[in-house]
Amino acid sequence: MAGKSLSDLGDTLRDEPMPILNADDLPDFGTWAPPPQPGPYRFKLPPDLTKIWEPYEATVNGKTVQCVRAIFDKDAPLQIIRSMSGKHNLEPFHTRLSNQRRSRGTVEASDLDYLLKATGEKTLPGSNLAYCEAVQTKAGHEFDADLTYSWTCSESRNAYIPDPEDKTGTKSVKSDRMGCGATYRQADQTKKAEQKIEKVNGEYPYEIGCRCGAVVRAFANLTNLRA
């Protein structure tokens, strides 16, 4: 059925008052949702990997070097192919993977190293450009990975605190102080008692209360990338 014009609506359209919102406070449509629960997943790379790259500076072995990260956001998300109980199948997943190497037992390797290995690469790239070119050949490929949560009360961002006007205790507001720098891990991912976050009703919480009083949201990490 076709819609009507304002003149057709006439007196049937009520001038209902609504709360005034600031447009700058609106989240981008479709760009955010709480990440799935930790566990094993299978992912599919986007069909186009040409516009996902971002260079950045990092300190590696005491030296400042340039690295690159692949940004899988709303414009080029990963797709969940297989999830626990099929709950999140075919959903988009946003994350970032870089070629910044860090200690992995006896070797130093990056997330992109493991991504390339998981998608069939035998020889790893030797430069930023080579990494970009190699990953771009993997468009549409699938791989397995474990999703884990971590929580960081960032010292470089304004902390969120419980909203004193919210009676439900579920809302938070941005404060005028920075976070304290505390980090937390899933209980099965750390031996440090002060870092452990336990499951609640069988699931890891997306938001936790930091020791400084801030409300901290989980960051979803991809680990153990494999074929």
Protein backbone atom coordinates (compact mmCIF):
# COMPACT_ATOMS: atom_id res chain seq x y z
CA MET A 1 0.00 0.00 0.00
CA ALA A 2 1.38 3.42 -0.99
CA GLY A 3 1.99 6.05 1.68
CA LYS A 4 0.01 9.27 2.02
CA SER A 5 1.00 12.90 1.66
CA LEU A 6 0.75 15.36 4.55
CA SER A 7 -2.38 16.87 3.00
CA ASP A 8 -3.98 13.41 2.82
CA LEU A 9 -3.27 12.81 6.49
CA GLY A 10 -4.99 16.01 7.55
CA ASP A 11 -6.20 15.98 11.15
CA THR A 12 -5.29 12.32 11.64
CA LEU A 13 -1.62 13.29 12.16
CA ARG A 14 -1.13 14.38 15.78
CA ASP A 15 1.69 16.77 16.66
CA GLU A 16 2.95 14.40 19.35
CA PRO A 17 5.72 15.95 21.51
CA MET A 18 8.90 13.87 21.73
CA PRO A 19 12.13 14.17 23.76
CA ILE A 20 14.78 16.40 22.16
CA LEU A 21 17.91 14.48 21.18
CA ASN A 22 21.36 15.64 20.15
CA ALA A 23 22.21 14.14 16.76
CA ASP A 24 25.87 13.86 17.78
CA ASP A 25 24.87 11.39 20.50
CA LEU A 26 23.38 8.91 18.04
CA PRO A 27 25.47 5.78 17.35
CA ASP A 28 26.15 4.93 13.71
CA PHE A 29 23.35 2.69 12.48
CA GLY A 30 24.21 -0.98 12.53
CA THR A 31 27.80 -0.49 13.70
CA TRP A 32 27.65 -1.79 17.26
CA ALA A 33 26.27 -4.74 19.11
CA PRO A 34 27.61 -6.63 22.12
CA PRO A 35 30.05 -9.27 20.84
CA PRO A 36 29.16 -12.97 20.98
CA GLN A 37 30.19 -15.00 23.99
CA PRO A 38 33.74 -16.40 24.13
CA GLY A 39 34.28 -19.72 22.41
CA PRO A 40 35.30 -21.32 19.08
CA TYR A 41 33.97 -19.77 15.86
CA ARG A 42 34.50 -20.05 12.14
CA PHE A 43 34.82 -16.82 10.17
CA LYS A 44 34.77 -15.79 6.53
CA LEU A 45 36.87 -12.92 5.21
CA PRO A 46 35.13 -10.13 3.26
CA PRO A 47 34.97 -10.40 -0.55
CA ASP A 48 37.00 -7.19 -0.94
CA LEU A 49 40.10 -6.55 1.20
CA THR A 50 41.52 -3.58 -0.68
CA LYS A 51 40.27 -0.79 1.59
CA ILE A 52 40.81 -2.17 5.09
CA TRP A 53 44.36 -1.00 5.84
CA GLU A 54 45.71 1.41 8.44
CA PRO A 55 49.42 2.05 9.16
CA TYR A 56 50.46 2.88 12.73
CA GLU A 57 53.57 3.32 14.84
CA ALA A 58 54.52 0.67 17.41
CA THR A 59 57.45 -0.13 19.68
CA VAL A 60 58.98 -3.50 18.84
CA ASN A 61 62.08 -4.69 20.72
CA GLY A 62 62.73 -1.14 21.91
CA LYS A 63 62.50 0.41 18.43
CA THR A 64 59.71 2.48 16.89
CA VAL A 65 58.56 0.84 13.67
CA GLN A 66 55.61 1.16 11.34
CA CYS A 67 53.10 -1.68 11.30
CA VAL A 68 49.81 -2.20 9.49
CA ARG A 69 46.45 -3.41 10.74
CA ALA A 70 43.49 -4.80 8.86
CA ILE A 71 40.27 -3.16 10.05
CA PHE A 72 37.20 -5.36 9.74
CA ASP A 73 34.45 -2.82 10.47
CA LYS A 74 30.92 -2.15 9.21
CA ASP A 75 32.26 -1.57 5.69
CA ALA A 76 34.22 -4.84 5.60
CA PRO A 77 33.27 -7.12 8.51
CA LEU A 78 34.17 -10.71 9.03
CA GLN A 79 31.17 -13.03 8.75
CA ILE A 80 30.51 -15.68 11.37
CA ILE A 81 30.04 -18.97 9.54
CA ARG A 82 29.82 -21.29 12.54
CA SER A 83 29.07 -20.43 16.16
CA MET A 84 28.11 -22.21 19.35
CA SER A 85 24.58 -23.63 18.92
CA GLY A 86 24.41 -21.71 15.63
CA LYS A 87 23.20 -18.65 17.53
CA HIS A 88 25.37 -16.15 15.67
CA ASN A 89 25.67 -17.80 12.26
CA LEU A 90 25.85 -15.31 9.35
CA GLU A 91 26.26 -12.32 11.68
CA PRO A 92 28.96 -9.70 10.97
CA PHE A 93 31.90 -9.47 13.35
CA HIS A 94 34.14 -6.44 13.79
CA THR A 95 37.78 -6.70 14.82
CA ARG A 96 41.31 -5.61 13.95
CA LEU A 97 44.30 -7.79 13.09
CA SER A 98 47.83 -6.44 12.70
CA ASN A 99 51.29 -7.59 11.63
CA GLN A 100 52.85 -6.40 14.91
CA ARG A 101 54.73 -9.41 16.19
CA ARG A 102 54.83 -10.42 19.85
CA SER A 103 56.10 -13.38 21.83
CA ARG A 104 54.22 -16.61 21.15
CA GLY A 105 56.16 -19.11 23.22
CA THR A 106 59.47 -19.68 21.46
CA VAL A 107 58.81 -17.39 18.48
CA GLU A 108 57.51 -13.91 17.74
CA ALA A 109 54.51 -13.79 15.43
CA SER A 110 51.58 -11.55 14.57
CA ASP A 111 47.84 -12.07 14.18
CA LEU A 112 48.22 -11.61 10.42
CA ASP A 113 50.93 -14.30 10.39
CA TYR A 114 48.43 -16.74 11.86
CA LEU A 115 45.66 -15.54 9.54
CA LEU A 116 47.84 -16.18 6.50
CA LYS A 117 48.88 -19.60 7.81
CA ALA A 118 45.23 -20.49 8.49
CA THR A 119 44.31 -19.58 4.90
CA GLY A 120 47.04 -21.69 3.31
CA GLU A 121 50.10 -19.43 3.11
CA LYS A 122 53.46 -21.17 3.53
CA THR A 123 55.90 -18.25 3.32
CA LEU A 124 55.22 -15.19 5.46
CA PRO A 125 55.69 -11.64 4.08
CA GLY A 126 58.74 -9.51 4.81
CA SER A 127 57.31 -5.97 4.55
CA ASN A 128 54.15 -4.01 5.27
CA LEU A 129 53.24 -3.83 1.59
CA ALA A 130 53.83 -7.56 1.18
CA TYR A 131 51.50 -8.27 4.12
CA CYS A 132 48.73 -6.18 2.56
CA GLU A 133 49.16 -7.84 -0.81
CA ALA A 134 49.23 -11.35 0.68
CA VAL A 135 46.12 -10.84 2.82
CA GLN A 136 44.22 -9.34 -0.12
CA THR A 137 44.60 -12.63 -2.00
CA LYS A 138 42.63 -14.33 0.80
CA ALA A 139 39.32 -12.51 0.18
CA GLY A 140 36.41 -14.84 0.90
CA HIS A 141 38.55 -17.47 2.62
CA GLU A 142 37.43 -19.08 5.88
CA PHE A 143 39.31 -19.79 9.11
CA ASP A 144 38.69 -20.88 12.69
CA ALA A 145 39.52 -18.81 15.77
CA ASP A 146 38.72 -18.59 19.46
CA LEU A 147 36.93 -15.47 20.67
CA THR A 148 38.00 -14.26 24.12
CA TYR A 149 37.08 -11.25 26.23
CA SER A 150 39.39 -8.77 27.92
CA TRP A 151 38.49 -5.63 29.87
CA THR A 152 40.72 -2.54 30.16
CA CYS A 153 39.97 0.61 32.13
CA SER A 154 41.80 2.86 29.66
CA GLU A 155 44.02 5.59 31.06
CA SER A 156 43.66 7.55 27.81
CA ARG A 157 39.85 7.77 27.80
CA ASN A 158 37.22 9.28 30.03
CA ALA A 159 35.86 6.63 32.36
CA TYR A 160 32.18 5.69 32.35
CA ILE A 161 30.54 5.46 35.75
CA PRO A 162 27.12 4.18 36.88
CA ASP A 163 24.39 6.72 36.12
CA PRO A 164 23.22 8.03 39.54
CA GLU A 165 19.81 8.88 38.08
CA ASP A 166 19.20 5.40 36.68
CA LYS A 167 17.18 3.32 39.14
CA THR A 168 17.71 0.11 37.17
CA GLY A 169 21.47 0.16 37.64
CA THR A 170 22.06 -0.71 33.99
CA LYS A 171 23.07 2.66 32.51
CA SER A 172 26.34 4.54 32.66
CA VAL A 173 27.51 8.06 31.86
CA LYS A 174 30.84 9.53 30.79
CA SER A 175 32.75 11.09 33.69
CA ASP A 176 35.36 13.88 33.72
CA ARG A 177 38.18 11.56 34.84
CA MET A 178 40.31 9.05 32.97
CA GLY A 179 40.34 5.33 33.60
CA CYS A 180 42.81 3.78 36.04
CA GLY A 181 44.60 1.40 33.67
CA ALA A 182 43.45 -1.84 35.30
CA THR A 183 43.10 -4.88 33.05
CA TYR A 184 40.96 -7.99 33.50
CA ARG A 185 40.79 -11.39 31.80
CA GLN A 186 38.46 -14.35 31.63
CA ALA A 187 38.97 -16.63 34.62
CA ASP A 188 40.23 -19.40 32.31
CA GLN A 189 42.76 -17.04 30.69
CA THR A 190 44.74 -15.79 33.71
CA LYS A 191 46.19 -17.02 36.99
CA LYS A 192 46.17 -13.56 38.58
CA ALA A 193 43.36 -13.39 41.12
CA GLU A 194 43.06 -9.60 40.80
CA GLN A 195 42.41 -9.93 37.05
CA LYS A 196 39.97 -12.84 36.99
CA ILE A 197 36.42 -12.31 35.73
CA GLU A 198 34.12 -15.24 36.40
CA LYS A 199 31.03 -16.27 34.48
CA VAL A 200 27.64 -15.04 35.64
CA ASN A 201 24.72 -17.39 34.97
CA GLY A 202 26.91 -19.39 32.61
CA GLU A 203 28.17 -16.42 30.55
CA TYR A 204 30.99 -13.91 30.80
CA PRO A 205 29.62 -10.42 31.48
CA TYR A 206 29.96 -7.83 28.75
CA GLU A 207 30.24 -4.98 31.27
CA ILE A 208 32.10 -5.18 34.59
CA GLY A 209 32.72 -2.83 37.48
CA CYS A 210 36.37 -1.78 37.75
CA ARG A 211 38.08 -1.46 41.13
CA CYS A 212 38.15 2.32 40.57
CA GLY A 213 34.36 2.47 40.22
CA ALA A 214 34.25 2.73 36.42
CA VAL A 215 32.08 0.62 34.14
CA VAL A 216 34.26 -1.26 31.65
CA ARG A 217 33.08 -3.02 28.49
CA ALA A 218 34.68 -6.16 27.12
CA PHE A 219 36.89 -6.13 24.05
CA ALA A 220 36.47 -9.23 21.89
CA ASN A 221 39.82 -10.70 20.86
CA LEU A 222 40.48 -13.36 18.23
CA THR A 223 43.11 -15.90 19.30
CA ASN A 224 44.38 -19.27 18.10
CA LEU A 225 43.63 -18.53 14.43
CA ARG A 226 43.76 -21.79 12.50
CA ALA A 227 42.56 -23.55 9.37
